Amino acid sequence: MVIGKKLWAIPEGYIPSKSNVPRPEMESHDTVSILNTSDSLVGVTISIYFSDREPAGPYKVEVAPRRTMHLRLNSLEDPEPVPRDTDFATVIEAELPVVVQYTRLDSRQSENALLSTMAYGSE
């Protein structure tokens, strides 16, 4: 069974540069969770969009067959790190249908904030 879509958008993104908790476990971060229910390895391309400059990327990852990947956007380095304290949006393109969820942990203060939502799948 293959479920999902090939193109996903997350219009909200922001990685705080500060954290008030142990690192790396509770460091402020944005995460995309990608579920691949197919029997094939899926190549995924991630592009980061900004309000005041050209997009960053493409960032390339692969999701193994019948597996999930929880990718902290903080860890993306090539071709450039995702900037901190900057509003951004994310577009995810997959070779085969996948399911994408977005989560943010904001640990700038001792009362942590966590939000999670499904990304918008368009095809």
PDB file of N, CA and C in Angstrom:
ATOM      1  N   MET A   1       0.839  -1.181   0.000  1.00  0.00           N
ATOM      2  CA  MET A   1       0.000   0.000   0.000  1.00  0.00           C
ATOM      3  C   MET A   1       0.884   1.244   0.000  1.00  0.00           C
ATOM      4  N   VAL A   2       0.681   2.122  -0.956  1.00  0.00           N
ATOM      5  CA  VAL A   2       1.405   3.381  -1.028  1.00  0.00           C
ATOM      6  C   VAL A   2       0.411   4.507  -0.770  1.00  0.00           C
ATOM      7  N   ILE A   3       0.703   5.336   0.225  1.00  0.00           N
ATOM      8  CA  ILE A   3      -0.177   6.463   0.527  1.00  0.00           C
ATOM      9  C   ILE A   3       0.618   7.754   0.498  1.00  0.00           C
ATOM     10  N   GLY A   4      -0.071   8.869   0.291  1.00  0.00           N
ATOM     11  CA  GLY A   4       0.571  10.164   0.349  1.00  0.00           C
ATOM     12  C   GLY A   4       0.500  10.915  -0.960  1.00  0.00           C
ATOM     13  N   LYS A   5       1.353  11.903  -1.045  1.00  0.00           N
ATOM     14  CA  LYS A   5       1.450  12.766  -2.220  1.00  0.00           C
ATOM     15  C   LYS A   5       2.929  13.019  -2.510  1.00  0.00           C
ATOM     16  N   LYS A   6       3.198  13.551  -3.711  1.00  0.00           N
ATOM     17  CA  LYS A   6       4.579  13.814  -4.102  1.00  0.00           C
ATOM     18  C   LYS A   6       5.048  15.240  -3.797  1.00  0.00           C
ATOM     19  N   LEU A   7       4.115  16.166  -3.623  1.00  0.00           N
ATOM     20  CA  LEU A   7       4.472  17.569  -3.411  1.00  0.00           C
ATOM     21  C   LEU A   7       3.794  18.076  -2.145  1.00  0.00           C
ATOM     22  N   TRP A   8       4.590  18.640  -1.239  1.00  0.00           N
ATOM     23  CA  TRP A   8       4.105  19.110   0.060  1.00  0.00           C
ATOM     24  C   TRP A   8       4.612  20.518   0.323  1.00  0.00           C
ATOM     25  N   ALA A   9       3.796  21.329   1.001  1.00  0.00           N
ATOM     26  CA  ALA A   9       4.192  22.694   1.376  1.00  0.00           C
ATOM     27  C   ALA A   9       3.920  22.921   2.856  1.00  0.00           C
ATOM     28  N   ILE A  10       4.856  23.614   3.497  1.00  0.00           N
ATOM     29  CA  ILE A  10       4.723  24.031   4.894  1.00  0.00           C
ATOM     30  C   ILE A  10       4.990  25.530   4.902  1.00  0.00           C
ATOM     31  N   PRO A  11       3.950  26.362   4.974  1.00  0.00           N
ATOM     32  CA  PRO A  11       4.160  27.802   4.871  1.00  0.00           C
ATOM     33  C   PRO A  11       4.771  28.429   6.113  1.00  0.00           C
ATOM     34  N   GLU A  12       4.806  27.717   7.239  1.00  0.00           N
ATOM     35  CA  GLU A  12       5.335  28.244   8.490  1.00  0.00           C
ATOM     36  C   GLU A  12       6.680  27.604   8.790  1.00  0.00           C
ATOM     37  N   GLY A  13       7.651  28.410   9.159  1.00  0.00           N
ATOM     38  CA  GLY A  13       8.944  27.902   9.583  1.00  0.00           C
ATOM     39  C   GLY A  13       9.697  28.964  10.364  1.00  0.00           C
ATOM     40  N   TYR A  14      10.351  28.550  11.451  1.00  0.00           N
ATOM     41  CA  TYR A  14      11.145  29.480  12.258  1.00  0.00           C
ATOM     42  C   TYR A  14      11.941  28.657  13.254  1.00  0.00           C
ATOM     43  N   ILE A  15      13.250  28.783  13.230  1.00  0.00           N
ATOM     44  CA  ILE A  15      14.105  28.065  14.164  1.00  0.00           C
ATOM     45  C   ILE A  15      14.763  29.087  15.085  1.00  0.00           C
ATOM     46  N   PRO A  16      14.359  29.130  16.365  1.00  0.00           N
ATOM     47  CA  PRO A  16      15.009  30.063  17.291  1.00  0.00           C
ATOM     48  C   PRO A  16      16.484  29.710  17.483  1.00  0.00           C
ATOM     49  N   SER A  17      17.310  30.716  17.654  1.00  0.00           N
ATOM     50  CA  SER A  17      18.739  30.469  17.847  1.00  0.00           C
ATOM     51  C   SER A  17      19.074  30.146  19.296  1.00  0.00           C
ATOM     52  N   LYS A  18      18.152  30.380  20.220  1.00  0.00           N
ATOM     53  CA  LYS A  18      18.413  30.144  21.642  1.00  0.00           C
ATOM     54  C   LYS A  18      17.536  29.014  22.157  1.00  0.00           C
ATOM     55  N   SER A  19      18.076  28.321  23.154  1.00  0.00           N
ATOM     56  CA  SER A  19      17.333  27.278  23.858  1.00  0.00           C
ATOM     57  C   SER A  19      17.687  27.376  25.330  1.00  0.00           C
ATOM     58  N   ASN A  20      16.737  27.004  26.174  1.00  0.00           N
ATOM     59  CA  ASN A  20      16.934  27.088  27.617  1.00  0.00           C
ATOM     60  C   ASN A  20      16.849  25.692  28.226  1.00  0.00           C
ATOM     61  N   VAL A  21      17.358  24.706  27.507  1.00  0.00           N
ATOM     62  CA  VAL A  21      17.229  23.307  27.915  1.00  0.00           C
ATOM     63  C   VAL A  21      18.463  22.528  27.475  1.00  0.00           C
ATOM     64  N   PRO A  22      18.575  21.257  27.903  1.00  0.00           N
ATOM     65  CA  PRO A  22      19.721  20.445  27.464  1.00  0.00           C
ATOM     66  C   PRO A  22      19.740  20.265  25.948  1.00  0.00           C
ATOM     67  N   ARG A  23      20.927  20.369  25.359  1.00  0.00           N
ATOM     68  CA  ARG A  23      21.114  20.149  23.929  1.00  0.00           C
ATOM     69  C   ARG A  23      21.806  18.814  23.712  1.00  0.00           C
ATOM     70  N   PRO A  24      21.571  18.108  22.669  1.00  0.00           N
ATOM     71  CA  PRO A  24      20.723  18.447  21.532  1.00  0.00           C
ATOM     72  C   PRO A  24      19.271  17.995  21.697  1.00  0.00           C
ATOM     73  N   GLU A  25      18.985  17.193  22.749  1.00  0.00           N
ATOM     74  CA  GLU A  25      17.673  16.561  22.867  1.00  0.00           C
ATOM     75  C   GLU A  25      16.514  17.552  22.801  1.00  0.00           C
ATOM     76  N   MET A  26      16.609  18.649  23.541  1.00  0.00           N
ATOM     77  CA  MET A  26      15.493  19.586  23.654  1.00  0.00           C
ATOM     78  C   MET A  26      15.788  20.932  23.012  1.00  0.00           C
ATOM     79  N   GLU A  27      16.816  20.993  22.177  1.00  0.00           N
ATOM     80  CA  GLU A  27      17.150  22.232  21.476  1.00  0.00           C
ATOM     81  C   GLU A  27      15.990  22.665  20.585  1.00  0.00           C
ATOM     82  N   SER A  28      15.731  23.967  20.530  1.00  0.00           N
ATOM     83  CA  SER A  28      14.688  24.491  19.639  1.00  0.00           C
ATOM     84  C   SER A  28      14.946  23.995  18.219  1.00  0.00           C
ATOM     85  N   HIS A  29      13.867  23.508  17.559  1.00  0.00           N
ATOM     86  CA  HIS A  29      14.041  22.988  16.207  1.00  0.00           C
ATOM     87  C   HIS A  29      12.713  22.911  15.469  1.00  0.00           C
ATOM     88  N   ASP A  30      12.809  22.848  14.159  1.00  0.00           N
ATOM     89  CA  ASP A  30      11.707  22.503  13.267  1.00  0.00           C
ATOM     90  C   ASP A  30      12.039  21.131  12.681  1.00  0.00           C
ATOM     91  N   THR A  31      11.048  20.272  12.613  1.00  0.00           N
ATOM     92  CA  THR A  31      11.240  18.913  12.101  1.00  0.00           C
ATOM     93  C   THR A  31      10.205  18.609  11.037  1.00  0.00           C
ATOM     94  N   VAL A  32      10.626  17.944   9.965  1.00  0.00           N
ATOM     95  CA  VAL A  32       9.687  17.352   9.033  1.00  0.00           C
ATOM     96  C   VAL A  32       9.782  15.838   9.210  1.00  0.00           C
ATOM     97  N   SER A  33       8.627  15.212   9.381  1.00  0.00           N
ATOM     98  CA  SER A  33       8.553  13.759   9.466  1.00  0.00           C
ATOM     99  C   SER A  33       8.004  13.266   8.142  1.00  0.00           C
ATOM    100  N   ILE A  34       8.724  12.341   7.522  1.00  0.00           N
ATOM    101  CA  ILE A  34       8.370  11.850   6.194  1.00  0.00           C
ATOM    102  C   ILE A  34       8.141  10.347   6.283  1.00  0.00           C
ATOM    103  N   LEU A  35       6.941   9.914   5.918  1.00  0.00           N
ATOM    104  CA  LEU A  35       6.572   8.497   5.955  1.00  0.00           C
ATOM    105  C   LEU A  35       6.555   7.935   4.540  1.00  0.00           C
ATOM    106  N   ASN A  36       7.315   6.871   4.324  1.00  0.00           N
ATOM    107  CA  ASN A  36       7.368   6.178   3.043  1.00  0.00           C
ATOM    108  C   ASN A  36       6.767   4.784   3.229  1.00  0.00           C
ATOM    109  N   THR A  37       5.554   4.574   2.731  1.00  0.00           N
ATOM    110  CA  THR A  37       4.921   3.257   2.857  1.00  0.00           C
ATOM    111  C   THR A  37       5.200   2.346   1.661  1.00  0.00           C
ATOM    112  N   SER A  38       5.944   2.843   0.681  1.00  0.00           N
ATOM    113  CA  SER A  38       6.214   2.045  -0.525  1.00  0.00           C
ATOM    114  C   SER A  38       7.308   1.018  -0.265  1.00  0.00           C
ATOM    115  N   ASP A  39       7.505   0.140  -1.244  1.00  0.00           N
ATOM    116  CA  ASP A  39       8.569  -0.861  -1.187  1.00  0.00           C
ATOM    117  C   ASP A  39       9.867  -0.357  -1.807  1.00  0.00           C
ATOM    118  N   SER A  40       9.929   0.935  -2.147  1.00  0.00           N
ATOM    119  CA  SER A  40      11.093   1.508  -2.823  1.00  0.00           C
ATOM    120  C   SER A  40      11.713   2.628  -2.005  1.00  0.00           C
ATOM    121  N   LEU A  41      13.009   2.805  -2.149  1.00  0.00           N
ATOM    122  CA  LEU A  41      13.709   3.964  -1.601  1.00  0.00           C
ATOM    123  C   LEU A  41      13.170   5.212  -2.290  1.00  0.00           C
ATOM    124  N   VAL A  42      12.878   6.261  -1.525  1.00  0.00           N
ATOM    125  CA  VAL A  42      12.314   7.473  -2.103  1.00  0.00           C
ATOM    126  C   VAL A  42      13.290   8.638  -1.933  1.00  0.00           C
ATOM    127  N   GLY A  43      13.678   9.244  -3.053  1.00  0.00           N
ATOM    128  CA  GLY A  43      14.471  10.463  -3.021  1.00  0.00           C
ATOM    129  C   GLY A  43      13.573  11.653  -2.744  1.00  0.00           C
ATOM    130  N   VAL A  44      14.013  12.536  -1.859  1.00  0.00           N
ATOM    131  CA  VAL A  44      13.238  13.700  -1.456  1.00  0.00           C
ATOM    132  C   VAL A  44      14.109  14.945  -1.600  1.00  0.00           C
ATOM    133  N   THR A  45      13.537  16.000  -2.173  1.00  0.00           N
ATOM    134  CA  THR A  45      14.207  17.286  -2.329  1.00  0.00           C
ATOM    135  C   THR A  45      13.476  18.317  -1.490  1.00  0.00           C
ATOM    136  N   ILE A  46      14.222  19.082  -0.697  1.00  0.00           N
ATOM    137  CA  ILE A  46      13.658  20.097   0.185  1.00  0.00           C
ATOM    138  C   ILE A  46      14.190  21.454  -0.247  1.00  0.00           C
ATOM    139  N   SER A  47      13.281  22.418  -0.406  1.00  0.00           N
ATOM    140  CA  SER A  47      13.651  23.801  -0.714  1.00  0.00           C
ATOM    141  C   SER A  47      13.082  24.697   0.373  1.00  0.00           C
ATOM    142  N   ILE A  48      13.874  25.691   0.791  1.00  0.00           N
ATOM    143  CA  ILE A  48      13.473  26.618   1.848  1.00  0.00           C
ATOM    144  C   ILE A  48      13.272  27.997   1.216  1.00  0.00           C
ATOM    145  N   TYR A  49      12.091  28.578   1.422  1.00  0.00           N
ATOM    146  CA  TYR A  49      11.724  29.875   0.847  1.00  0.00           C
ATOM    147  C   TYR A  49      11.711  30.950   1.929  1.00  0.00           C
ATOM    148  N   PHE A  50      12.068  32.182   1.528  1.00  0.00           N
ATOM    149  CA  PHE A  50      12.164  33.312   2.453  1.00  0.00           C
ATOM    150  C   PHE A  50      11.369  34.499   1.930  1.00  0.00           C
ATOM    151  N   SER A  51      11.136  35.475   2.787  1.00  0.00           N
ATOM    152  CA  SER A  51      10.403  36.680   2.373  1.00  0.00           C
ATOM    153  C   SER A  51      11.302  37.704   1.703  1.00  0.00           C
ATOM    154  N   ASP A  52      12.623  37.591   1.901  1.00  0.00           N
ATOM    155  CA  ASP A  52      13.508  38.657   1.443  1.00  0.00           C
ATOM    156  C   ASP A  52      14.724  38.191   0.638  1.00  0.00           C
ATOM    157  N   ARG A  53      14.715  36.942   0.189  1.00  0.00           N
ATOM    158  CA  ARG A  53      15.844  36.430  -0.602  1.00  0.00           C
ATOM    159  C   ARG A  53      15.408  35.210  -1.391  1.00  0.00           C
ATOM    160  N   GLU A  54      16.263  34.785  -2.281  1.00  0.00           N
ATOM    161  CA  GLU A  54      15.993  33.602  -3.088  1.00  0.00           C
ATOM    162  C   GLU A  54      15.994  32.348  -2.201  1.00  0.00           C
ATOM    163  N   PRO A  55      15.339  31.280  -2.642  1.00  0.00           N
ATOM    164  CA  PRO A  55      15.265  30.054  -1.844  1.00  0.00           C
ATOM    165  C   PRO A  55      16.630  29.406  -1.611  1.00  0.00           C
ATOM    166  N   ALA A  56      16.724  28.651  -0.522  1.00  0.00           N
ATOM    167  CA  ALA A  56      17.906  27.844  -0.210  1.00  0.00           C
ATOM    168  C   ALA A  56      17.622  26.404  -0.623  1.00  0.00           C
ATOM    169  N   GLY A  57      18.673  25.713  -0.993  1.00  0.00           N
ATOM    170  CA  GLY A  57      18.522  24.321  -1.398  1.00  0.00           C
ATOM    171  C   GLY A  57      18.965  24.146  -2.836  1.00  0.00           C
ATOM    172  N   PRO A  58      18.703  23.021  -3.397  1.00  0.00           N
ATOM    173  CA  PRO A  58      17.912  21.950  -2.816  1.00  0.00           C
ATOM    174  C   PRO A  58      18.724  21.104  -1.827  1.00  0.00           C
ATOM    175  N   TYR A  59      18.036  20.651  -0.786  1.00  0.00           N
ATOM    176  CA  TYR A  59      18.589  19.688   0.166  1.00  0.00           C
ATOM    177  C   TYR A  59      18.048  18.330  -0.257  1.00  0.00           C
ATOM    178  N   LYS A  60      18.898  17.318  -0.275  1.00  0.00           N
ATOM    179  CA  LYS A  60      18.507  15.989  -0.753  1.00  0.00           C
ATOM    180  C   LYS A  60      18.607  14.978   0.394  1.00  0.00           C
ATOM    181  N   VAL A  61      17.545  14.186   0.564  1.00  0.00           N
ATOM    182  CA  VAL A  61      17.551  13.087   1.522  1.00  0.00           C
ATOM    183  C   VAL A  61      16.874  11.892   0.868  1.00  0.00           C
ATOM    184  N   GLU A  62      17.058  10.721   1.455  1.00  0.00           N
ATOM    185  CA  GLU A  62      16.387   9.513   0.988  1.00  0.00           C
ATOM    186  C   GLU A  62      15.677   8.866   2.169  1.00  0.00           C
ATOM    187  N   VAL A  63      14.468   8.376   1.916  1.00  0.00           N
ATOM    188  CA  VAL A  63      13.694   7.683   2.939  1.00  0.00           C
ATOM    189  C   VAL A  63      13.590   6.217   2.532  1.00  0.00           C
ATOM    190  N   ALA A  64      14.028   5.351   3.411  1.00  0.00           N
ATOM    191  CA  ALA A  64      14.054   3.918   3.123  1.00  0.00           C
ATOM    192  C   ALA A  64      12.640   3.361   2.938  1.00  0.00           C
ATOM    193  N   PRO A  65      12.525   2.236   2.236  1.00  0.00           N
ATOM    194  CA  PRO A  65      11.215   1.618   2.035  1.00  0.00           C
ATOM    195  C   PRO A  65      10.549   1.252   3.368  1.00  0.00           C
ATOM    196  N   ARG A  66       9.246   1.527   3.456  1.00  0.00           N
ATOM    197  CA  ARG A  66       8.432   1.178   4.617  1.00  0.00           C
ATOM    198  C   ARG A  66       9.037   1.721   5.922  1.00  0.00           C
ATOM    199  N   ARG A  67       9.524   2.966   5.850  1.00  0.00           N
ATOM    200  CA  ARG A  67      10.156   3.599   7.021  1.00  0.00           C
ATOM    201  C   ARG A  67       9.694   5.050   7.138  1.00  0.00           C
ATOM    202  N   THR A  68      10.010   5.627   8.285  1.00  0.00           N
ATOM    203  CA  THR A  68       9.777   7.051   8.511  1.00  0.00           C
ATOM    204  C   THR A  68      11.105   7.727   8.800  1.00  0.00           C
ATOM    205  N   MET A  69      11.202   8.995   8.451  1.00  0.00           N
ATOM    206  CA  MET A  69      12.389   9.798   8.735  1.00  0.00           C
ATOM    207  C   MET A  69      11.926  11.057   9.455  1.00  0.00           C
ATOM    208  N   HIS A  70      12.539  11.332  10.589  1.00  0.00           N
ATOM    209  CA  HIS A  70      12.272  12.568  11.326  1.00  0.00           C
ATOM    210  C   HIS A  70      13.504  13.446  11.159  1.00  0.00           C
ATOM    211  N   LEU A  71      13.382  14.460  10.324  1.00  0.00           N
ATOM    212  CA  LEU A  71      14.528  15.274   9.919  1.00  0.00           C
ATOM    213  C   LEU A  71      14.435  16.660  10.533  1.00  0.00           C
ATOM    214  N   ARG A  72      15.364  16.960  11.439  1.00  0.00           N
ATOM    215  CA  ARG A  72      15.432  18.310  11.993  1.00  0.00           C
ATOM    216  C   ARG A  72      15.997  19.238  10.924  1.00  0.00           C
ATOM    217  N   LEU A  73      15.258  20.281  10.611  1.00  0.00           N
ATOM    218  CA  LEU A  73      15.747  21.228   9.611  1.00  0.00           C
ATOM    219  C   LEU A  73      17.004  21.938  10.097  1.00  0.00           C
ATOM    220  N   ASN A  74      17.223  21.989  11.413  1.00  0.00           N
ATOM    221  CA  ASN A  74      18.455  22.546  11.976  1.00  0.00           C
ATOM    222  C   ASN A  74      19.683  21.808  11.455  1.00  0.00           C
ATOM    223  N   SER A  75      19.516  20.528  11.119  1.00  0.00           N
ATOM    224  CA  SER A  75      20.669  19.720  10.722  1.00  0.00           C
ATOM    225  C   SER A  75      21.033  19.866   9.251  1.00  0.00           C
ATOM    226  N   LEU A  76      20.203  20.523   8.461  1.00  0.00           N
ATOM    227  CA  LEU A  76      20.523  20.698   7.039  1.00  0.00           C
ATOM    228  C   LEU A  76      21.688  21.678   6.892  1.00  0.00           C
ATOM    229  N   GLU A  77      22.737  21.250   6.213  1.00  0.00           N
ATOM    230  CA  GLU A  77      23.943  22.062   6.061  1.00  0.00           C
ATOM    231  C   GLU A  77      24.357  22.287   4.620  1.00  0.00           C
ATOM    232  N   ASP A  78      23.995  21.359   3.720  1.00  0.00           N
ATOM    233  CA  ASP A  78      24.480  21.414   2.349  1.00  0.00           C
ATOM    234  C   ASP A  78      23.298  21.577   1.398  1.00  0.00           C
ATOM    235  N   PRO A  79      23.197  22.689   0.705  1.00  0.00           N
ATOM    236  CA  PRO A  79      24.263  23.609   0.323  1.00  0.00           C
ATOM    237  C   PRO A  79      24.516  24.764   1.299  1.00  0.00           C
ATOM    238  N   GLU A  80      23.645  24.977   2.313  1.00  0.00           N
ATOM    239  CA  GLU A  80      23.884  26.002   3.323  1.00  0.00           C
ATOM    240  C   GLU A  80      23.005  25.689   4.525  1.00  0.00           C
ATOM    241  N   PRO A  81      23.407  26.123   5.734  1.00  0.00           N
ATOM    242  CA  PRO A  81      22.545  25.914   6.897  1.00  0.00           C
ATOM    243  C   PRO A  81      21.248  26.719   6.779  1.00  0.00           C
ATOM    244  N   VAL A  82      20.167  26.176   7.331  1.00  0.00           N
ATOM    245  CA  VAL A  82      18.918  26.926   7.401  1.00  0.00           C
ATOM    246  C   VAL A  82      19.117  28.016   8.462  1.00  0.00           C
ATOM    247  N   PRO A  83      18.888  29.292   8.119  1.00  0.00           N
ATOM    248  CA  PRO A  83      19.175  30.369   9.073  1.00  0.00           C
ATOM    249  C   PRO A  83      18.253  30.338  10.294  1.00  0.00           C
ATOM    250  N   ARG A  84      18.799  30.738  11.425  1.00  0.00           N
ATOM    251  CA  ARG A  84      18.036  30.832  12.673  1.00  0.00           C
ATOM    252  C   ARG A  84      17.403  32.220  12.762  1.00  0.00           C
ATOM    253  N   ASP A  85      16.363  32.322  13.577  1.00  0.00           N
ATOM    254  CA  ASP A  85      15.668  33.592  13.832  1.00  0.00           C
ATOM    255  C   ASP A  85      15.179  34.247  12.539  1.00  0.00           C
ATOM    256  N   THR A  86      14.747  33.435  11.586  1.00  0.00           N
ATOM    257  CA  THR A  86      14.308  33.905  10.270  1.00  0.00           C
ATOM    258  C   THR A  86      13.041  33.159   9.867  1.00  0.00           C
ATOM    259  N   ASP A  87      12.019  33.882   9.457  1.00  0.00           N
ATOM    260  CA  ASP A  87      10.808  33.240   8.939  1.00  0.00           C
ATOM    261  C   ASP A  87      11.133  32.546   7.621  1.00  0.00           C
ATOM    262  N   PHE A  88      10.587  31.341   7.421  1.00  0.00           N
ATOM    263  CA  PHE A  88      10.776  30.638   6.158  1.00  0.00           C
ATOM    264  C   PHE A  88       9.602  29.699   5.908  1.00  0.00           C
ATOM    265  N   ALA A  89       9.535  29.183   4.704  1.00  0.00           N
ATOM    266  CA  ALA A  89       8.563  28.166   4.319  1.00  0.00           C
ATOM    267  C   ALA A  89       9.325  27.021   3.662  1.00  0.00           C
ATOM    268  N   THR A  90       8.711  25.855   3.640  1.00  0.00           N
ATOM    269  CA  THR A  90       9.383  24.663   3.124  1.00  0.00           C
ATOM    270  C   THR A  90       8.526  23.999   2.043  1.00  0.00           C
ATOM    271  N   VAL A  91       9.181  23.596   0.950  1.00  0.00           N
ATOM    272  CA  VAL A  91       8.531  22.801  -0.087  1.00  0.00           C
ATOM    273  C   VAL A  91       9.294  21.483  -0.193  1.00  0.00           C
ATOM    274  N   ILE A  92       8.534  20.388  -0.157  1.00  0.00           N
ATOM    275  CA  ILE A  92       9.118  19.047  -0.194  1.00  0.00           C
ATOM    276  C   ILE A  92       8.585  18.332  -1.429  1.00  0.00           C
ATOM    277  N   GLU A  93       9.512  17.846  -2.256  1.00  0.00           N
ATOM    278  CA  GLU A  93       9.155  17.098  -3.465  1.00  0.00           C
ATOM    279  C   GLU A  93       9.727  15.692  -3.345  1.00  0.00           C
ATOM    280  N   ALA A  94       8.874  14.681  -3.532  1.00  0.00           N
ATOM    281  CA  ALA A  94       9.293  13.288  -3.418  1.00  0.00           C
ATOM    282  C   ALA A  94       9.099  12.573  -4.747  1.00  0.00           C
ATOM    283  N   GLU A  95       9.959  11.593  -5.009  1.00  0.00           N
ATOM    284  CA  GLU A  95       9.859  10.821  -6.244  1.00  0.00           C
ATOM    285  C   GLU A  95       8.626   9.934  -6.273  1.00  0.00           C
ATOM    286  N   LEU A  96       8.174   9.473  -5.108  1.00  0.00           N
ATOM    287  CA  LEU A  96       6.975   8.656  -4.955  1.00  0.00           C
ATOM    288  C   LEU A  96       6.114   9.284  -3.859  1.00  0.00           C
ATOM    289  N   PRO A  97       4.844   8.922  -3.758  1.00  0.00           N
ATOM    290  CA  PRO A  97       4.012   9.490  -2.701  1.00  0.00           C
ATOM    291  C   PRO A  97       4.547   9.186  -1.300  1.00  0.00           C
ATOM    292  N   VAL A  98       4.550  10.210  -0.447  1.00  0.00           N
ATOM    293  CA  VAL A  98       4.921  10.113   0.961  1.00  0.00           C
ATOM    294  C   VAL A  98       3.908  10.937   1.759  1.00  0.00           C
ATOM    295  N   VAL A  99       3.966  10.814   3.073  1.00  0.00           N
ATOM    296  CA  VAL A  99       3.154  11.629   3.968  1.00  0.00           C
ATOM    297  C   VAL A  99       4.106  12.490   4.782  1.00  0.00           C
ATOM    298  N   VAL A 100       3.776  13.805   4.931  1.00  0.00           N
ATOM    299  CA  VAL A 100       4.667  14.741   5.614  1.00  0.00           C
ATOM    300  C   VAL A 100       3.926  15.427   6.763  1.00  0.00           C
ATOM    301  N   GLN A 101       4.578  15.472   7.916  1.00  0.00           N
ATOM    302  CA  GLN A 101       4.085  16.206   9.084  1.00  0.00           C
ATOM    303  C   GLN A 101       5.180  17.162   9.541  1.00  0.00           C
ATOM    304  N   TYR A 102       4.764  18.310  10.085  1.00  0.00           N
ATOM    305  CA  TYR A 102       5.692  19.353  10.531  1.00  0.00           C
ATOM    306  C   TYR A 102       5.549  19.541  12.038  1.00  0.00           C
ATOM    307  N   THR A 103       6.676  19.666  12.739  1.00  0.00           N
ATOM    308  CA  THR A 103       6.671  19.888  14.179  1.00  0.00           C
ATOM    309  C   THR A 103       7.725  20.928  14.537  1.00  0.00           C
ATOM    310  N   ARG A 104       7.375  21.787  15.497  1.00  0.00           N
ATOM    311  CA  ARG A 104       8.343  22.755  16.031  1.00  0.00           C
ATOM    312  C   ARG A 104       8.399  22.623  17.544  1.00  0.00           C
ATOM    313  N   LEU A 105       9.631  22.642  18.065  1.00  0.00           N
ATOM    314  CA  LEU A 105       9.859  22.757  19.496  1.00  0.00           C
ATOM    315  C   LEU A 105      10.535  24.097  19.740  1.00  0.00           C
ATOM    316  N   ASP A 106       9.887  24.947  20.524  1.00  0.00           N
ATOM    317  CA  ASP A 106      10.455  26.245  20.906  1.00  0.00           C
ATOM    318  C   ASP A 106      10.811  26.159  22.385  1.00  0.00           C
ATOM    319  N   SER A 107      12.101  26.081  22.674  1.00  0.00           N
ATOM    320  CA  SER A 107      12.564  25.926  24.051  1.00  0.00           C
ATOM    321  C   SER A 107      13.353  27.146  24.526  1.00  0.00           C
ATOM    322  N   ARG A 108      12.965  28.331  24.043  1.00  0.00           N
ATOM    323  CA  ARG A 108      13.648  29.554  24.469  1.00  0.00           C
ATOM    324  C   ARG A 108      13.375  29.893  25.924  1.00  0.00           C
ATOM    325  N   GLN A 109      12.295  29.390  26.478  1.00  0.00           N
ATOM    326  CA  GLN A 109      12.001  29.625  27.886  1.00  0.00           C
ATOM    327  C   GLN A 109      11.761  28.284  28.568  1.00  0.00           C
ATOM    328  N   SER A 110      11.713  28.271  29.897  1.00  0.00           N
ATOM    329  CA  SER A 110      11.582  26.999  30.608  1.00  0.00           C
ATOM    330  C   SER A 110      10.250  26.314  30.325  1.00  0.00           C
ATOM    331  N   GLU A 111       9.199  27.062  29.968  1.00  0.00           N
ATOM    332  CA  GLU A 111       7.921  26.474  29.567  1.00  0.00           C
ATOM    333  C   GLU A 111       7.977  26.246  28.060  1.00  0.00           C
ATOM    334  N   ASN A 112       8.371  25.061  27.655  1.00  0.00           N
ATOM    335  CA  ASN A 112       8.551  24.765  26.234  1.00  0.00           C
ATOM    336  C   ASN A 112       7.221  24.802  25.490  1.00  0.00           C
ATOM    337  N   ALA A 113       7.285  25.140  24.215  1.00  0.00           N
ATOM    338  CA  ALA A 113       6.114  25.126  23.346  1.00  0.00           C
ATOM    339  C   ALA A 113       6.363  24.131  22.220  1.00  0.00           C
ATOM    340  N   LEU A 114       5.384  23.272  21.974  1.00  0.00           N
ATOM    341  CA  LEU A 114       5.474  22.282  20.908  1.00  0.00           C
ATOM    342  C   LEU A 114       4.234  22.392  20.047  1.00  0.00           C
ATOM    343  N   LEU A 115       4.429  22.462  18.739  1.00  0.00           N
ATOM    344  CA  LEU A 115       3.290  22.454  17.820  1.00  0.00           C
ATOM    345  C   LEU A 115       3.565  21.470  16.712  1.00  0.00           C
ATOM    346  N   SER A 116       2.502  20.896  16.192  1.00  0.00           N
ATOM    347  CA  SER A 116       2.640  19.939  15.110  1.00  0.00           C
ATOM    348  C   SER A 116       1.404  20.028  14.222  1.00  0.00           C
ATOM    349  N   THR A 117       1.611  19.885  12.914  1.00  0.00           N
ATOM    350  CA  THR A 117       0.507  19.941  11.960  1.00  0.00           C
ATOM    351  C   THR A 117       0.874  19.141  10.719  1.00  0.00           C
ATOM    352  N   MET A 118      -0.131  18.699  10.010  1.00  0.00           N
ATOM    353  CA  MET A 118       0.118  18.054   8.735  1.00  0.00           C
ATOM    354  C   MET A 118       0.486  19.111   7.717  1.00  0.00           C
ATOM    355  N   ALA A 119       1.440  18.785   6.862  1.00  0.00           N
ATOM    356  CA  ALA A 119       1.794  19.674   5.771  1.00  0.00           C
ATOM    357  C   ALA A 119       0.661  19.649   4.736  1.00  0.00           C
ATOM    358  N   TYR A 120       0.707  20.582   3.793  1.00  0.00           N
ATOM    359  CA  TYR A 120      -0.278  20.623   2.712  1.00  0.00           C
ATOM    360  C   TYR A 120       0.232  19.804   1.549  1.00  0.00           C
ATOM    361  N   GLY A 121      -0.462  18.743   1.206  1.00  0.00           N
ATOM    362  CA  GLY A 121      -0.092  17.897   0.080  1.00  0.00           C
ATOM    363  C   GLY A 121      -0.895  18.274  -1.152  1.00  0.00           C
ATOM    364  N   SER A 122      -0.209  18.519  -2.270  1.00  0.00           N
ATOM    365  CA  SER A 122      -0.940  19.023  -3.422  1.00  0.00           C
ATOM    366  C   SER A 122      -0.979  18.079  -4.621  1.00  0.00           C
ATOM    367  N   GLU A 123      -0.123  17.087  -4.695  1.00  0.00           N
ATOM    368  CA  GLU A 123      -0.238  16.121  -5.800  1.00  0.00           C
ATOM    369  C   GLU A 123       0.415  14.819  -5.456  1.00  0.00           C
TER     370      GLU A 123
END
